[in-house]
């Protein structure tokens, strides 16, 4: 698992997601309800494109990346989002 995936996996686990690695090197992501969302291969052929796809799929499923800064969270509380 590369460094960027480790950060995303740690953030997902902190938010109640189930993240696990298979013997083949794939990192799988499941949402807090247990629904399978996506995976990231150990050696993607196009790493940058695959990372963008992974982040888009996680975003759609409700995991925001990058984590909001404290000022961003504060402004959302004021707006009511």
N, C-alpha and C. Protein backbone atom coordinates (compact mmCIF):
# COMPACT_ATOMS: atom_id res chain seq x y z
N UNK A 1 0.86 -1.17 0.00
CA UNK A 1 0.00 0.00 0.00
C UNK A 1 0.90 1.23 0.00
N UNK A 2 0.67 2.17 -0.94
CA UNK A 2 1.51 3.36 -0.98
C UNK A 2 1.08 4.39 0.06
N UNK A 3 1.87 5.43 0.21
CA UNK A 3 1.65 6.41 1.28
C UNK A 3 0.29 7.11 1.14
N UNK A 4 -0.05 7.51 -0.07
CA UNK A 4 -1.31 8.23 -0.26
C UNK A 4 -2.51 7.35 0.08
N UNK A 5 -2.46 6.09 -0.32
CA UNK A 5 -3.55 5.16 0.00
C UNK A 5 -3.61 4.94 1.51
N UNK A 6 -2.46 4.88 2.17
CA UNK A 6 -2.47 4.72 3.63
C UNK A 6 -3.18 5.88 4.31
N UNK A 7 -2.93 7.09 3.83
CA UNK A 7 -3.61 8.26 4.41
C UNK A 7 -5.11 8.19 4.20
N UNK A 8 -5.51 7.85 2.99
CA UNK A 8 -6.94 7.75 2.68
C UNK A 8 -7.58 6.63 3.51
N UNK A 9 -6.89 5.50 3.61
CA UNK A 9 -7.41 4.36 4.38
C UNK A 9 -7.55 4.73 5.86
N UNK A 10 -6.56 5.44 6.40
CA UNK A 10 -6.63 5.86 7.81
C UNK A 10 -7.80 6.81 8.03
N UNK A 11 -8.01 7.74 7.09
CA UNK A 11 -9.13 8.68 7.19
C UNK A 11 -10.46 7.93 7.10
N UNK A 12 -10.53 6.95 6.21
CA UNK A 12 -11.76 6.17 6.05
C UNK A 12 -12.06 5.38 7.33
N UNK A 13 -11.05 4.73 7.88
CA UNK A 13 -11.25 3.97 9.13
C UNK A 13 -11.70 4.88 10.26
N UNK A 14 -11.13 6.07 10.32
CA UNK A 14 -11.50 7.03 11.36
C UNK A 14 -12.97 7.42 11.25
N UNK A 15 -13.50 7.37 10.03
CA UNK A 15 -14.90 7.72 9.79
C UNK A 15 -15.82 6.50 9.76
N UNK A 16 -15.35 5.37 10.26
CA UNK A 16 -16.21 4.19 10.39
C UNK A 16 -16.23 3.27 9.19
N UNK A 17 -15.38 3.50 8.21
CA UNK A 17 -15.33 2.65 7.02
C UNK A 17 -14.49 1.41 7.31
N UNK A 18 -14.76 0.34 6.58
CA UNK A 18 -13.96 -0.88 6.67
C UNK A 18 -13.01 -0.90 5.48
N UNK A 19 -11.72 -0.90 5.76
CA UNK A 19 -10.70 -0.91 4.71
C UNK A 19 -9.81 -2.12 4.95
N UNK A 20 -9.62 -2.93 3.93
CA UNK A 20 -8.78 -4.13 4.10
C UNK A 20 -8.02 -4.42 2.82
N UNK A 21 -6.89 -5.10 2.97
CA UNK A 21 -6.05 -5.52 1.85
C UNK A 21 -6.23 -7.00 1.60
N UNK A 22 -6.24 -7.37 0.33
CA UNK A 22 -6.32 -8.78 -0.03
C UNK A 22 -4.91 -9.34 -0.24
N UNK A 23 -4.82 -10.65 -0.39
CA UNK A 23 -3.52 -11.27 -0.65
C UNK A 23 -2.94 -10.82 -1.98
N UNK A 24 -3.79 -10.43 -2.92
CA UNK A 24 -3.32 -9.98 -4.23
C UNK A 24 -2.87 -8.53 -4.23
N UNK A 25 -2.99 -7.85 -3.10
CA UNK A 25 -2.51 -6.48 -3.00
C UNK A 25 -3.55 -5.41 -3.25
N UNK A 26 -4.80 -5.80 -3.39
CA UNK A 26 -5.86 -4.82 -3.59
C UNK A 26 -6.33 -4.27 -2.25
N UNK A 27 -6.59 -2.97 -2.21
CA UNK A 27 -7.13 -2.33 -1.01
C UNK A 27 -8.61 -2.08 -1.28
N UNK A 28 -9.49 -2.69 -0.49
CA UNK A 28 -10.93 -2.57 -0.67
C UNK A 28 -11.52 -1.61 0.36
N UNK A 29 -12.54 -0.87 -0.05
CA UNK A 29 -13.22 0.09 0.81
C UNK A 29 -14.69 -0.28 0.91
N UNK A 30 -15.18 -0.38 2.15
CA UNK A 30 -16.60 -0.59 2.42
C UNK A 30 -17.11 0.55 3.28
N UNK A 31 -18.31 1.04 2.98
CA UNK A 31 -18.86 2.15 3.76
C UNK A 31 -19.30 1.66 5.14
N UNK A 32 -19.70 2.57 6.03
CA UNK A 32 -20.08 2.17 7.39
C UNK A 32 -21.23 1.17 7.46
N UNK A 33 -22.08 1.11 6.42
CA UNK A 33 -23.19 0.15 6.41
C UNK A 33 -22.77 -1.21 5.89
N UNK A 34 -21.51 -1.33 5.44
CA UNK A 34 -21.00 -2.60 4.95
C UNK A 34 -21.10 -2.78 3.45
N UNK A 35 -21.58 -1.78 2.73
CA UNK A 35 -21.68 -1.86 1.27
C UNK A 35 -20.30 -1.68 0.64
N UNK A 36 -19.97 -2.56 -0.30
CA UNK A 36 -18.70 -2.45 -1.00
C UNK A 36 -18.75 -1.22 -1.89
N UNK A 37 -17.70 -0.40 -1.85
CA UNK A 37 -17.68 0.83 -2.64
C UNK A 37 -16.67 0.74 -3.77
N UNK A 38 -15.41 0.46 -3.49
CA UNK A 38 -14.39 0.45 -4.53
C UNK A 38 -13.14 -0.26 -4.03
N UNK A 39 -12.15 -0.34 -4.90
CA UNK A 39 -10.86 -0.92 -4.54
C UNK A 39 -9.75 -0.14 -5.24
N UNK A 40 -8.53 -0.34 -4.77
CA UNK A 40 -7.35 0.25 -5.40
C UNK A 40 -6.32 -0.85 -5.56
N UNK A 41 -5.84 -1.09 -6.79
CA UNK A 41 -4.87 -2.16 -7.01
C UNK A 41 -3.49 -1.80 -6.46
N UNK A 42 -2.69 -2.81 -6.19
CA UNK A 42 -1.34 -2.59 -5.67
C UNK A 42 -0.46 -1.88 -6.70
N UNK A 43 -0.62 -2.23 -7.96
CA UNK A 43 0.19 -1.61 -9.02
C UNK A 43 -0.71 -1.20 -10.18
N UNK A 44 -1.41 -0.07 -10.08
CA UNK A 44 -2.28 0.35 -11.18
C UNK A 44 -1.45 0.74 -12.41
N UNK A 45 -2.01 0.51 -13.59
CA UNK A 45 -1.28 0.84 -14.81
C UNK A 45 -1.19 2.35 -15.01
N UNK A 46 -2.20 3.07 -14.58
CA UNK A 46 -2.21 4.53 -14.66
C UNK A 46 -2.52 5.07 -13.26
N UNK A 47 -1.51 5.19 -12.39
CA UNK A 47 -1.75 5.53 -10.99
C UNK A 47 -2.50 6.84 -10.76
N UNK A 48 -2.15 7.86 -11.51
CA UNK A 48 -2.80 9.16 -11.30
C UNK A 48 -4.29 9.10 -11.65
N UNK A 49 -4.60 8.50 -12.79
CA UNK A 49 -5.99 8.39 -13.20
C UNK A 49 -6.77 7.49 -12.24
N UNK A 50 -6.16 6.41 -11.80
CA UNK A 50 -6.84 5.49 -10.88
C UNK A 50 -7.09 6.15 -9.53
N UNK A 51 -6.13 6.99 -9.07
CA UNK A 51 -6.31 7.70 -7.81
C UNK A 51 -7.48 8.68 -7.92
N UNK A 52 -7.57 9.39 -9.04
CA UNK A 52 -8.69 10.32 -9.24
C UNK A 52 -10.01 9.56 -9.26
N UNK A 53 -10.03 8.41 -9.91
CA UNK A 53 -11.24 7.59 -9.96
C UNK A 53 -11.61 7.10 -8.56
N UNK A 54 -10.63 6.65 -7.80
CA UNK A 54 -10.87 6.19 -6.43
C UNK A 54 -11.47 7.31 -5.58
N UNK A 55 -10.87 8.49 -5.64
CA UNK A 55 -11.36 9.61 -4.83
C UNK A 55 -12.77 10.02 -5.25
N UNK A 56 -13.06 9.95 -6.55
CA UNK A 56 -14.41 10.26 -7.02
C UNK A 56 -15.43 9.26 -6.50
N UNK A 57 -15.08 7.98 -6.52
CA UNK A 57 -16.00 6.95 -6.03
C UNK A 57 -16.22 7.08 -4.52
N UNK A 58 -15.15 7.38 -3.78
CA UNK A 58 -15.29 7.56 -2.33
C UNK A 58 -16.12 8.81 -2.03
N UNK A 59 -15.91 9.85 -2.81
CA UNK A 59 -16.68 11.09 -2.64
C UNK A 59 -18.17 10.83 -2.86
N UNK A 60 -18.49 10.09 -3.93
CA UNK A 60 -19.88 9.75 -4.22
C UNK A 60 -20.52 8.95 -3.09
N UNK A 61 -19.72 8.10 -2.46
CA UNK A 61 -20.23 7.25 -1.39
C UNK A 61 -20.30 7.98 -0.05
N UNK A 62 -19.78 9.22 0.00
CA UNK A 62 -19.92 10.01 1.22
C UNK A 62 -18.66 10.26 2.01
N UNK A 63 -17.51 9.81 1.54
CA UNK A 63 -16.25 10.06 2.25
C UNK A 63 -15.54 11.21 1.55
N UNK A 64 -15.49 12.36 2.18
CA UNK A 64 -14.87 13.54 1.57
C UNK A 64 -13.37 13.50 1.75
N UNK A 65 -12.65 13.71 0.63
CA UNK A 65 -11.19 13.79 0.67
C UNK A 65 -10.77 14.97 -0.16
N UNK A 66 -9.89 15.82 0.26
CA UNK A 66 -9.16 15.75 1.51
C UNK A 66 -10.04 16.14 2.68
N UNK A 67 -9.67 15.72 3.88
CA UNK A 67 -10.45 16.10 5.06
C UNK A 67 -10.55 17.61 5.16
N UNK A 68 -11.69 18.08 5.55
CA UNK A 68 -11.89 19.53 5.65
C UNK A 68 -11.01 20.11 6.74
N UNK A 69 -10.50 21.31 6.47
CA UNK A 69 -9.72 22.00 7.48
C UNK A 69 -10.66 22.52 8.56
N UNK A 70 -10.12 22.93 9.67
CA UNK A 70 -10.98 23.41 10.76
C UNK A 70 -11.74 24.66 10.34
N UNK A 71 -11.12 25.54 9.53
CA UNK A 71 -11.84 26.73 9.08
C UNK A 71 -12.95 26.35 8.10
N UNK A 72 -12.72 25.32 7.28
CA UNK A 72 -13.76 24.86 6.36
C UNK A 72 -14.94 24.27 7.09
N UNK A 73 -14.68 23.49 8.14
CA UNK A 73 -15.77 22.93 8.95
C UNK A 73 -16.55 24.05 9.63
N UNK A 74 -15.83 25.05 10.11
CA UNK A 74 -16.48 26.17 10.79
C UNK A 74 -17.42 26.90 9.84
N UNK A 75 -16.96 27.16 8.60
CA UNK A 75 -17.81 27.88 7.65
C UNK A 75 -19.03 27.06 7.26
N UNK A 76 -18.88 25.72 7.16
CA UNK A 76 -20.03 24.88 6.84
C UNK A 76 -21.05 24.90 7.98
N UNK A 77 -20.57 24.94 9.22
CA UNK A 77 -21.50 25.00 10.36
C UNK A 77 -22.30 26.29 10.31
N UNK A 78 -21.64 27.37 9.93
CA UNK A 78 -22.34 28.66 9.85
C UNK A 78 -23.39 28.65 8.74
N UNK A 79 -23.04 28.01 7.60
CA UNK A 79 -23.98 27.96 6.48
C UNK A 79 -25.09 26.97 6.72
N UNK A 80 -24.85 25.98 7.54
CA UNK A 80 -25.87 24.97 7.80
C UNK A 80 -25.77 23.76 6.90
N UNK A 81 -24.62 23.55 6.23
CA UNK A 81 -24.43 22.37 5.37
C UNK A 81 -24.21 21.13 6.18
